[in-house]
Every structure is written in C-alpha cells, then in structure tokens.
Amino acid sequence: MISYLLLEVIDSGIGISTEFQRKMFDPFEQERKGNDRLIEGTGLGLSITRMPVELMDGEIRIWSAKDEGAKVLVEIPLPDA
C-alpha cells in the first residue's frame, strides 16, 4: 500500500480561467499582462512549485473557474517505512 502526503489549498480569489489553466505552470505566464493586472507577481510561483513535486514523483491538480476561486491539491507518494 502506498501512502501519500496530501496538501490542499482552497481560496476564494479571482479564480483561473479554463483557457489559462493549460499554460499556468509555464514560467513567466500570467493570465493578465500589462497595466490591467489586478495581481502583482512574476508568474514563477506555480512553475517553481511544480519542479520539486515532480522530482518526488508527485502531482499537482487544480480546480478553478473564473471568479470562483481555486482548489489546489498536491499529492506526493511517501517512501515505505
């Protein structure tokens, strides 16, 4: 039997559109660019997060819709004790 470390984050923020979810793990990608951005940042957070998760054979799943917030689940398999 495989054990997993599960991390779940739920927020009620601006959400992520379905169209953007395909590229949201790409470095420097932001859903809004230029002066019309509501949120500051560089677009690196999700790409940096994905790297160690994948190195540990883990997975990140995101459920979100525009203006409905988001739910992020990180699942990392744990070695046998």
N, C-alpha and C. Protein backbone atom coordinates (compact mmCIF):
# COMPACT_ATOMS: atom_id res chain seq x y z
N MET A 1 0.83 -1.17 0.00
CA MET A 1 0.00 0.00 0.00
C MET A 1 0.89 1.24 0.00
N ILE A 2 0.57 2.20 -0.85
CA ILE A 2 1.33 3.43 -0.95
C ILE A 2 0.67 4.50 -0.10
N SER A 3 1.48 5.20 0.70
CA SER A 3 0.99 6.33 1.48
C SER A 3 1.34 7.62 0.75
N TYR A 4 0.52 8.63 0.95
CA TYR A 4 0.73 9.91 0.28
C TYR A 4 0.69 11.05 1.28
N LEU A 5 1.46 12.08 0.98
CA LEU A 5 1.34 13.36 1.66
C LEU A 5 0.42 14.20 0.78
N LEU A 6 -0.67 14.68 1.37
CA LEU A 6 -1.63 15.50 0.63
C LEU A 6 -1.64 16.90 1.20
N LEU A 7 -1.50 17.87 0.33
CA LEU A 7 -1.60 19.28 0.71
C LEU A 7 -2.73 19.88 -0.12
N GLU A 8 -3.66 20.52 0.55
CA GLU A 8 -4.78 21.11 -0.16
C GLU A 8 -4.91 22.57 0.23
N VAL A 9 -5.04 23.43 -0.77
CA VAL A 9 -5.24 24.86 -0.55
C VAL A 9 -6.50 25.26 -1.29
N ILE A 10 -7.39 25.95 -0.59
CA ILE A 10 -8.63 26.44 -1.19
C ILE A 10 -8.68 27.94 -0.97
N ASP A 11 -8.95 28.69 -2.03
CA ASP A 11 -9.10 30.13 -1.86
C ASP A 11 -10.36 30.62 -2.58
N SER A 12 -10.77 31.79 -2.21
CA SER A 12 -11.97 32.38 -2.81
C SER A 12 -11.59 33.60 -3.65
N GLY A 13 -10.41 33.55 -4.25
CA GLY A 13 -9.90 34.68 -5.03
C GLY A 13 -10.56 34.80 -6.39
N ILE A 14 -9.80 35.36 -7.35
CA ILE A 14 -10.36 35.67 -8.66
C ILE A 14 -10.49 34.45 -9.56
N GLY A 15 -9.91 33.34 -9.17
CA GLY A 15 -10.02 32.12 -9.97
C GLY A 15 -9.13 32.14 -11.20
N ILE A 16 -9.13 31.02 -11.92
CA ILE A 16 -8.29 30.85 -13.11
C ILE A 16 -9.20 30.39 -14.24
N SER A 17 -9.15 31.07 -15.35
CA SER A 17 -9.99 30.68 -16.48
C SER A 17 -9.56 29.32 -17.03
N THR A 18 -10.48 28.62 -17.64
CA THR A 18 -10.20 27.31 -18.24
C THR A 18 -9.12 27.43 -19.30
N GLU A 19 -9.15 28.49 -20.10
CA GLU A 19 -8.18 28.68 -21.17
C GLU A 19 -6.76 28.82 -20.62
N PHE A 20 -6.61 29.54 -19.52
CA PHE A 20 -5.28 29.79 -18.96
C PHE A 20 -4.72 28.57 -18.24
N GLN A 21 -5.55 27.67 -17.76
CA GLN A 21 -5.09 26.52 -16.99
C GLN A 21 -4.12 25.65 -17.78
N ARG A 22 -4.18 25.66 -19.09
CA ARG A 22 -3.26 24.86 -19.91
C ARG A 22 -1.82 25.35 -19.82
N LYS A 23 -1.62 26.64 -19.55
CA LYS A 23 -0.26 27.18 -19.54
C LYS A 23 0.15 27.81 -18.21
N MET A 24 -0.63 27.60 -17.17
CA MET A 24 -0.35 28.28 -15.91
C MET A 24 0.90 27.77 -15.20
N PHE A 25 1.44 26.61 -15.59
CA PHE A 25 2.68 26.11 -14.99
C PHE A 25 3.91 26.54 -15.79
N ASP A 26 3.72 27.23 -16.91
CA ASP A 26 4.84 27.71 -17.70
C ASP A 26 5.46 28.93 -17.02
N PRO A 27 6.80 29.01 -16.98
CA PRO A 27 7.45 30.15 -16.34
C PRO A 27 7.04 31.48 -16.97
N PHE A 28 6.83 32.46 -16.14
CA PHE A 28 6.52 33.85 -16.51
C PHE A 28 5.15 34.04 -17.14
N GLU A 29 4.31 33.02 -17.11
CA GLU A 29 2.96 33.16 -17.67
C GLU A 29 2.05 33.79 -16.61
N GLN A 30 1.25 34.72 -17.04
CA GLN A 30 0.25 35.35 -16.19
C GLN A 30 -1.02 35.50 -17.01
N GLU A 31 -2.14 35.30 -16.35
CA GLU A 31 -3.40 35.39 -17.09
C GLU A 31 -3.63 36.79 -17.63
N ARG A 32 -3.31 37.78 -16.83
CA ARG A 32 -3.42 39.17 -17.29
C ARG A 32 -2.03 39.75 -17.36
N LYS A 33 -1.77 40.49 -18.42
CA LYS A 33 -0.46 41.11 -18.59
C LYS A 33 -0.64 42.60 -18.80
N GLY A 34 0.40 43.34 -18.54
CA GLY A 34 0.36 44.78 -18.78
C GLY A 34 -0.26 45.54 -17.63
N ASN A 35 -0.77 46.71 -17.93
CA ASN A 35 -1.28 47.60 -16.90
C ASN A 35 -2.65 47.22 -16.35
N ASP A 36 -3.34 46.26 -16.98
CA ASP A 36 -4.67 45.88 -16.50
C ASP A 36 -4.64 44.76 -15.45
N ARG A 37 -3.43 44.40 -14.99
CA ARG A 37 -3.30 43.34 -13.98
C ARG A 37 -3.81 43.81 -12.64
N LEU A 38 -4.54 42.92 -11.97
CA LEU A 38 -5.01 43.20 -10.62
C LEU A 38 -4.04 42.66 -9.57
N ILE A 39 -3.29 41.63 -9.93
CA ILE A 39 -2.39 40.96 -9.00
C ILE A 39 -0.96 41.12 -9.49
N GLU A 40 -0.06 41.49 -8.59
CA GLU A 40 1.35 41.62 -8.97
C GLU A 40 2.03 40.27 -8.86
N GLY A 41 3.14 40.12 -9.54
CA GLY A 41 3.93 38.91 -9.46
C GLY A 41 4.70 38.72 -10.75
N THR A 42 5.51 37.66 -10.77
CA THR A 42 6.35 37.39 -11.94
C THR A 42 5.85 36.22 -12.77
N GLY A 43 4.92 35.45 -12.24
CA GLY A 43 4.45 34.27 -12.97
C GLY A 43 5.36 33.07 -12.79
N LEU A 44 6.11 33.04 -11.70
CA LEU A 44 7.04 31.93 -11.46
C LEU A 44 6.56 30.95 -10.38
N GLY A 45 5.62 31.34 -9.56
CA GLY A 45 5.24 30.53 -8.40
C GLY A 45 4.85 29.10 -8.73
N LEU A 46 3.95 28.91 -9.67
CA LEU A 46 3.49 27.56 -9.98
C LEU A 46 4.56 26.73 -10.68
N SER A 47 5.37 27.35 -11.54
CA SER A 47 6.42 26.58 -12.21
C SER A 47 7.49 26.14 -11.22
N ILE A 48 7.81 27.01 -10.24
CA ILE A 48 8.79 26.64 -9.21
C ILE A 48 8.21 25.56 -8.29
N THR A 49 6.95 25.64 -7.97
CA THR A 49 6.31 24.64 -7.13
C THR A 49 6.27 23.28 -7.81
N ARG A 50 6.01 23.27 -9.09
CA ARG A 50 5.89 22.00 -9.83
C ARG A 50 7.19 21.21 -9.85
N MET A 51 8.33 21.88 -9.93
CA MET A 51 9.61 21.19 -10.06
C MET A 51 9.88 20.19 -8.94
N PRO A 52 9.88 20.59 -7.66
CA PRO A 52 10.17 19.60 -6.61
C PRO A 52 9.07 18.55 -6.47
N VAL A 53 7.83 18.93 -6.74
CA VAL A 53 6.74 17.96 -6.66
C VAL A 53 6.96 16.84 -7.68
N GLU A 54 7.30 17.20 -8.90
CA GLU A 54 7.55 16.19 -9.92
C GLU A 54 8.81 15.38 -9.64
N LEU A 55 9.84 16.02 -9.05
CA LEU A 55 11.06 15.28 -8.69
C LEU A 55 10.78 14.21 -7.64
N MET A 56 9.73 14.42 -6.84
CA MET A 56 9.34 13.43 -5.83
C MET A 56 8.22 12.52 -6.35
N ASP A 57 8.06 12.46 -7.67
CA ASP A 57 7.02 11.66 -8.32
C ASP A 57 5.62 12.04 -7.87
N GLY A 58 5.44 13.31 -7.53
CA GLY A 58 4.15 13.80 -7.09
C GLY A 58 3.36 14.42 -8.22
N GLU A 59 2.22 14.97 -7.85
CA GLU A 59 1.31 15.54 -8.83
C GLU A 59 0.61 16.76 -8.23
N ILE A 60 0.37 17.75 -9.06
CA ILE A 60 -0.40 18.92 -8.66
C ILE A 60 -1.66 18.95 -9.51
N ARG A 61 -2.80 19.09 -8.85
CA ARG A 61 -4.07 19.22 -9.58
C ARG A 61 -4.75 20.50 -9.12
N ILE A 62 -5.34 21.19 -10.08
CA ILE A 62 -6.02 22.45 -9.78
C ILE A 62 -7.42 22.43 -10.37
N TRP A 63 -8.39 22.83 -9.55
CA TRP A 63 -9.76 23.01 -9.99
C TRP A 63 -10.09 24.48 -9.78
N SER A 64 -10.52 25.13 -10.83
CA SER A 64 -10.81 26.55 -10.70
C SER A 64 -11.72 27.00 -11.84
N ALA A 65 -12.41 28.07 -11.58
CA ALA A 65 -13.20 28.75 -12.60
C ALA A 65 -13.09 30.24 -12.33
N LYS A 66 -13.16 31.01 -13.39
CA LYS A 66 -13.04 32.47 -13.26
C LYS A 66 -14.07 33.00 -12.27
N ASP A 67 -13.63 33.85 -11.36
CA ASP A 67 -14.46 34.49 -10.33
C ASP A 67 -15.05 33.51 -9.32
N GLU A 68 -14.48 32.30 -9.22
CA GLU A 68 -14.99 31.31 -8.27
C GLU A 68 -13.90 30.74 -7.37
N GLY A 69 -12.72 31.33 -7.36
CA GLY A 69 -11.65 30.83 -6.52
C GLY A 69 -10.97 29.61 -7.12
N ALA A 70 -10.21 28.91 -6.29
CA ALA A 70 -9.45 27.75 -6.77
C ALA A 70 -9.23 26.76 -5.64
N LYS A 71 -9.03 25.51 -6.05
CA LYS A 71 -8.65 24.45 -5.12
C LYS A 71 -7.41 23.78 -5.73
N VAL A 72 -6.35 23.70 -4.94
CA VAL A 72 -5.09 23.11 -5.39
C VAL A 72 -4.79 21.92 -4.51
N LEU A 73 -4.49 20.78 -5.13
CA LEU A 73 -4.15 19.57 -4.40
C LEU A 73 -2.76 19.11 -4.85
N VAL A 74 -1.86 18.98 -3.87
CA VAL A 74 -0.52 18.43 -4.14
C VAL A 74 -0.48 17.07 -3.48
N GLU A 75 -0.09 16.07 -4.27
CA GLU A 75 -0.06 14.69 -3.79
C GLU A 75 1.35 14.13 -4.03
N ILE A 76 2.02 13.73 -2.94
CA ILE A 76 3.39 13.23 -3.03
C ILE A 76 3.43 11.85 -2.39
N PRO A 77 3.87 10.82 -3.16
CA PRO A 77 3.98 9.50 -2.56
C PRO A 77 5.11 9.45 -1.53
N LEU A 78 4.86 8.78 -0.43
CA LEU A 78 5.85 8.65 0.63
C LEU A 78 6.57 7.32 0.51
N PRO A 79 7.86 7.29 0.81
CA PRO A 79 8.59 6.02 0.75
C PRO A 79 8.10 5.08 1.83
N ASP A 80 8.25 3.79 1.59
CA ASP A 80 7.87 2.79 2.59
C ASP A 80 8.73 2.96 3.84
N ALA A 81 8.10 2.82 4.99
CA ALA A 81 8.82 2.96 6.24
C ALA A 81 9.53 1.67 6.62
